[in-house]
Amino acid sequence: MSSVLALKRNSSTVRYCFEAEADAEPGVLPRALELLAKRGLVPARVFAQADADALSVEIEVEGLAPETADHVGQCLGEIVGVRAVF
């Protein structure tokens, strides 16, 4: 199972950071955003950068309870193509 780094920025903001395989299908980023949308969450910030080896993604979400933040991080780590924490 992959893992996703969830960094608390402050008391109400969480930053999720993960890396997807270089040959990951284009659906990795939309699936990550869909996971948030299903919970009625709108990211405060999204950054994605592709290079020859990987797709690096950072997503910041505000206003999450700690247990929700942990659950979202676990779910992001289960997305097919997500491989590593950075």
N, C-alpha and C. Protein backbone atom coordinates (compact mmCIF):
# COMPACT_ATOMS: atom_id res chain seq x y z
N MET A 1 0.84 -1.18 0.00
CA MET A 1 0.00 0.00 0.00
C MET A 1 0.89 1.24 0.00
N SER A 2 0.50 2.23 -0.72
CA SER A 2 1.23 3.49 -0.77
C SER A 2 0.87 4.35 0.43
N SER A 3 1.67 5.35 0.66
CA SER A 3 1.35 6.27 1.74
C SER A 3 1.40 7.69 1.21
N VAL A 4 0.65 8.53 1.88
CA VAL A 4 0.57 9.93 1.50
C VAL A 4 0.99 10.74 2.71
N LEU A 5 1.86 11.70 2.50
CA LEU A 5 2.31 12.56 3.58
C LEU A 5 1.26 13.62 3.82
N ALA A 6 0.79 13.72 5.06
CA ALA A 6 -0.18 14.74 5.43
C ALA A 6 0.49 15.68 6.43
N LEU A 7 0.83 16.87 5.98
CA LEU A 7 1.52 17.84 6.82
C LEU A 7 0.52 18.87 7.32
N LYS A 8 0.46 19.05 8.62
CA LYS A 8 -0.40 20.09 9.17
C LYS A 8 0.29 21.42 8.96
N ARG A 9 -0.36 22.30 8.25
CA ARG A 9 0.20 23.64 8.02
C ARG A 9 -0.10 24.53 9.21
N ASN A 10 -1.30 24.44 9.74
CA ASN A 10 -1.71 25.14 10.95
C ASN A 10 -2.89 24.36 11.51
N SER A 11 -3.61 24.93 12.44
CA SER A 11 -4.68 24.17 13.09
C SER A 11 -5.82 23.78 12.16
N SER A 12 -5.96 24.44 11.02
CA SER A 12 -7.10 24.13 10.16
C SER A 12 -6.73 23.75 8.73
N THR A 13 -5.45 23.67 8.40
CA THR A 13 -5.04 23.35 7.02
C THR A 13 -4.14 22.12 7.00
N VAL A 14 -4.42 21.22 6.05
CA VAL A 14 -3.60 20.03 5.86
C VAL A 14 -3.06 20.05 4.44
N ARG A 15 -1.79 19.71 4.28
CA ARG A 15 -1.19 19.58 2.95
C ARG A 15 -0.89 18.12 2.70
N TYR A 16 -1.48 17.57 1.65
CA TYR A 16 -1.22 16.19 1.24
C TYR A 16 -0.19 16.23 0.12
N CYS A 17 0.86 15.42 0.24
CA CYS A 17 1.91 15.35 -0.77
C CYS A 17 2.08 13.90 -1.19
N PHE A 18 2.06 13.66 -2.49
CA PHE A 18 2.30 12.30 -2.97
C PHE A 18 2.91 12.34 -4.36
N GLU A 19 3.45 11.19 -4.75
CA GLU A 19 4.08 11.05 -6.05
C GLU A 19 3.41 9.89 -6.76
N ALA A 20 3.14 10.08 -8.03
CA ALA A 20 2.54 9.03 -8.85
C ALA A 20 3.57 8.54 -9.86
N GLU A 21 3.37 7.33 -10.31
CA GLU A 21 4.28 6.73 -11.28
C GLU A 21 4.35 7.57 -12.55
N ALA A 22 5.52 7.58 -13.16
CA ALA A 22 5.73 8.39 -14.37
C ALA A 22 4.78 7.98 -15.48
N ASP A 23 4.51 6.69 -15.55
CA ASP A 23 3.63 6.22 -16.62
C ASP A 23 2.18 6.09 -16.13
N ALA A 24 1.88 6.75 -15.02
CA ALA A 24 0.50 6.70 -14.49
C ALA A 24 -0.46 7.29 -15.52
N GLU A 25 -1.62 6.72 -15.54
CA GLU A 25 -2.61 7.25 -16.46
C GLU A 25 -2.99 8.67 -16.06
N PRO A 26 -3.52 9.43 -16.98
CA PRO A 26 -3.87 10.82 -16.69
C PRO A 26 -4.94 10.98 -15.62
N GLY A 27 -5.57 9.90 -15.19
CA GLY A 27 -6.64 9.98 -14.21
C GLY A 27 -6.21 10.09 -12.76
N VAL A 28 -4.92 10.03 -12.45
CA VAL A 28 -4.48 10.07 -11.06
C VAL A 28 -4.89 11.38 -10.39
N LEU A 29 -4.60 12.50 -10.99
CA LEU A 29 -4.94 13.79 -10.38
C LEU A 29 -6.45 13.99 -10.28
N PRO A 30 -7.23 13.72 -11.33
CA PRO A 30 -8.68 13.86 -11.18
C PRO A 30 -9.28 12.94 -10.11
N ARG A 31 -8.73 11.73 -9.97
CA ARG A 31 -9.24 10.83 -8.93
C ARG A 31 -8.96 11.39 -7.54
N ALA A 32 -7.79 12.00 -7.36
CA ALA A 32 -7.46 12.61 -6.07
C ALA A 32 -8.43 13.76 -5.77
N LEU A 33 -8.69 14.59 -6.75
CA LEU A 33 -9.60 15.72 -6.55
C LEU A 33 -11.04 15.25 -6.36
N GLU A 34 -11.42 14.17 -7.05
CA GLU A 34 -12.75 13.62 -6.90
C GLU A 34 -12.97 13.10 -5.48
N LEU A 35 -11.94 12.52 -4.90
CA LEU A 35 -12.02 12.04 -3.53
C LEU A 35 -12.40 13.18 -2.58
N LEU A 36 -11.84 14.34 -2.80
CA LEU A 36 -12.18 15.50 -1.98
C LEU A 36 -13.58 16.01 -2.30
N ALA A 37 -13.91 16.08 -3.57
CA ALA A 37 -15.21 16.59 -3.98
C ALA A 37 -16.36 15.75 -3.43
N LYS A 38 -16.17 14.44 -3.36
CA LYS A 38 -17.20 13.56 -2.81
C LYS A 38 -17.50 13.88 -1.36
N ARG A 39 -16.55 14.47 -0.68
CA ARG A 39 -16.72 14.84 0.73
C ARG A 39 -17.11 16.31 0.89
N GLY A 40 -17.39 16.97 -0.23
CA GLY A 40 -17.79 18.37 -0.19
C GLY A 40 -16.64 19.31 0.12
N LEU A 41 -15.41 18.87 -0.17
CA LEU A 41 -14.21 19.67 0.12
C LEU A 41 -13.68 20.31 -1.16
N VAL A 42 -13.29 21.57 -1.04
CA VAL A 42 -12.67 22.29 -2.15
C VAL A 42 -11.24 22.60 -1.72
N PRO A 43 -10.25 22.15 -2.49
CA PRO A 43 -8.86 22.42 -2.11
C PRO A 43 -8.57 23.92 -2.09
N ALA A 44 -7.79 24.35 -1.11
CA ALA A 44 -7.34 25.74 -1.06
C ALA A 44 -6.23 25.95 -2.07
N ARG A 45 -5.48 24.89 -2.35
CA ARG A 45 -4.34 24.98 -3.27
C ARG A 45 -4.06 23.60 -3.84
N VAL A 46 -3.77 23.55 -5.15
CA VAL A 46 -3.36 22.31 -5.81
C VAL A 46 -2.15 22.62 -6.67
N PHE A 47 -1.12 21.79 -6.53
CA PHE A 47 0.07 21.94 -7.35
C PHE A 47 0.44 20.55 -7.88
N ALA A 48 0.65 20.44 -9.17
CA ALA A 48 1.07 19.18 -9.77
C ALA A 48 2.15 19.48 -10.80
N GLN A 49 3.20 18.65 -10.77
CA GLN A 49 4.29 18.83 -11.72
C GLN A 49 4.74 17.47 -12.23
N ALA A 50 4.74 17.33 -13.55
CA ALA A 50 5.18 16.08 -14.17
C ALA A 50 6.59 16.25 -14.69
N ASP A 51 7.38 15.19 -14.52
CA ASP A 51 8.69 15.14 -15.15
C ASP A 51 8.87 13.73 -15.71
N ALA A 52 10.07 13.40 -16.12
CA ALA A 52 10.30 12.11 -16.77
C ALA A 52 10.05 10.93 -15.84
N ASP A 53 10.22 11.13 -14.53
CA ASP A 53 10.14 10.02 -13.59
C ASP A 53 8.82 9.92 -12.83
N ALA A 54 8.16 11.05 -12.62
CA ALA A 54 6.99 11.00 -11.75
C ALA A 54 6.08 12.22 -11.91
N LEU A 55 4.92 12.10 -11.32
CA LEU A 55 3.99 13.21 -11.18
C LEU A 55 3.96 13.53 -9.69
N SER A 56 4.42 14.71 -9.31
CA SER A 56 4.41 15.14 -7.92
C SER A 56 3.19 16.02 -7.68
N VAL A 57 2.46 15.74 -6.59
CA VAL A 57 1.22 16.44 -6.31
C VAL A 57 1.20 16.94 -4.87
N GLU A 58 0.76 18.18 -4.70
CA GLU A 58 0.50 18.75 -3.37
C GLU A 58 -0.91 19.31 -3.39
N ILE A 59 -1.69 18.96 -2.38
CA ILE A 59 -3.06 19.46 -2.26
C ILE A 59 -3.24 19.97 -0.84
N GLU A 60 -3.66 21.23 -0.71
CA GLU A 60 -3.95 21.79 0.61
C GLU A 60 -5.46 21.90 0.79
N VAL A 61 -5.93 21.46 1.96
CA VAL A 61 -7.35 21.52 2.29
C VAL A 61 -7.49 22.18 3.65
N GLU A 62 -8.45 23.08 3.76
CA GLU A 62 -8.67 23.79 5.02
C GLU A 62 -9.92 23.26 5.72
N GLY A 63 -9.92 23.38 7.04
CA GLY A 63 -11.10 23.10 7.84
C GLY A 63 -11.40 21.64 8.08
N LEU A 64 -10.37 20.77 8.07
CA LEU A 64 -10.61 19.35 8.29
C LEU A 64 -10.40 18.97 9.75
N ALA A 65 -11.29 18.15 10.27
CA ALA A 65 -11.08 17.56 11.59
C ALA A 65 -9.92 16.56 11.46
N PRO A 66 -9.16 16.33 12.52
CA PRO A 66 -8.01 15.42 12.45
C PRO A 66 -8.36 14.03 11.92
N GLU A 67 -9.48 13.46 12.36
CA GLU A 67 -9.83 12.12 11.91
C GLU A 67 -10.20 12.12 10.42
N THR A 68 -10.83 13.17 9.94
CA THR A 68 -11.15 13.29 8.52
C THR A 68 -9.88 13.45 7.70
N ALA A 69 -8.96 14.26 8.20
CA ALA A 69 -7.68 14.47 7.51
C ALA A 69 -6.93 13.16 7.36
N ASP A 70 -6.90 12.35 8.42
CA ASP A 70 -6.23 11.05 8.36
C ASP A 70 -6.91 10.12 7.36
N HIS A 71 -8.24 10.10 7.39
CA HIS A 71 -8.98 9.22 6.48
C HIS A 71 -8.75 9.61 5.01
N VAL A 72 -8.80 10.89 4.73
CA VAL A 72 -8.56 11.36 3.35
C VAL A 72 -7.15 10.96 2.91
N GLY A 73 -6.16 11.13 3.78
CA GLY A 73 -4.79 10.73 3.45
C GLY A 73 -4.68 9.26 3.13
N GLN A 74 -5.35 8.41 3.92
CA GLN A 74 -5.34 6.97 3.66
C GLN A 74 -5.99 6.66 2.31
N CYS A 75 -7.09 7.31 2.02
CA CYS A 75 -7.78 7.08 0.75
C CYS A 75 -6.94 7.54 -0.44
N LEU A 76 -6.26 8.67 -0.30
CA LEU A 76 -5.38 9.13 -1.38
C LEU A 76 -4.28 8.11 -1.65
N GLY A 77 -3.76 7.50 -0.60
CA GLY A 77 -2.71 6.50 -0.75
C GLY A 77 -3.16 5.24 -1.45
N GLU A 78 -4.46 5.01 -1.51
CA GLU A 78 -5.00 3.82 -2.16
C GLU A 78 -5.33 4.02 -3.63
N ILE A 79 -5.17 5.23 -4.13
CA ILE A 79 -5.43 5.49 -5.55
C ILE A 79 -4.39 4.77 -6.40
N VAL A 80 -4.87 4.09 -7.40
CA VAL A 80 -3.98 3.34 -8.29
C VAL A 80 -3.01 4.31 -8.95
N GLY A 81 -1.73 4.02 -8.88
CA GLY A 81 -0.71 4.86 -9.48
C GLY A 81 0.04 5.70 -8.47
N VAL A 82 -0.54 5.95 -7.30
CA VAL A 82 0.17 6.68 -6.26
C VAL A 82 1.20 5.75 -5.67
N ARG A 83 2.47 6.20 -5.61
CA ARG A 83 3.50 5.27 -5.19
C ARG A 83 4.35 5.71 -4.02
N ALA A 84 4.53 6.99 -3.77
CA ALA A 84 5.52 7.34 -2.75
C ALA A 84 5.21 8.68 -2.12
N VAL A 85 5.82 8.87 -0.98
CA VAL A 85 5.74 10.13 -0.26
C VAL A 85 6.98 10.96 -0.57
N PHE A 86 6.82 12.26 -0.66
CA PHE A 86 8.00 13.12 -0.78
C PHE A 86 7.90 14.24 0.20
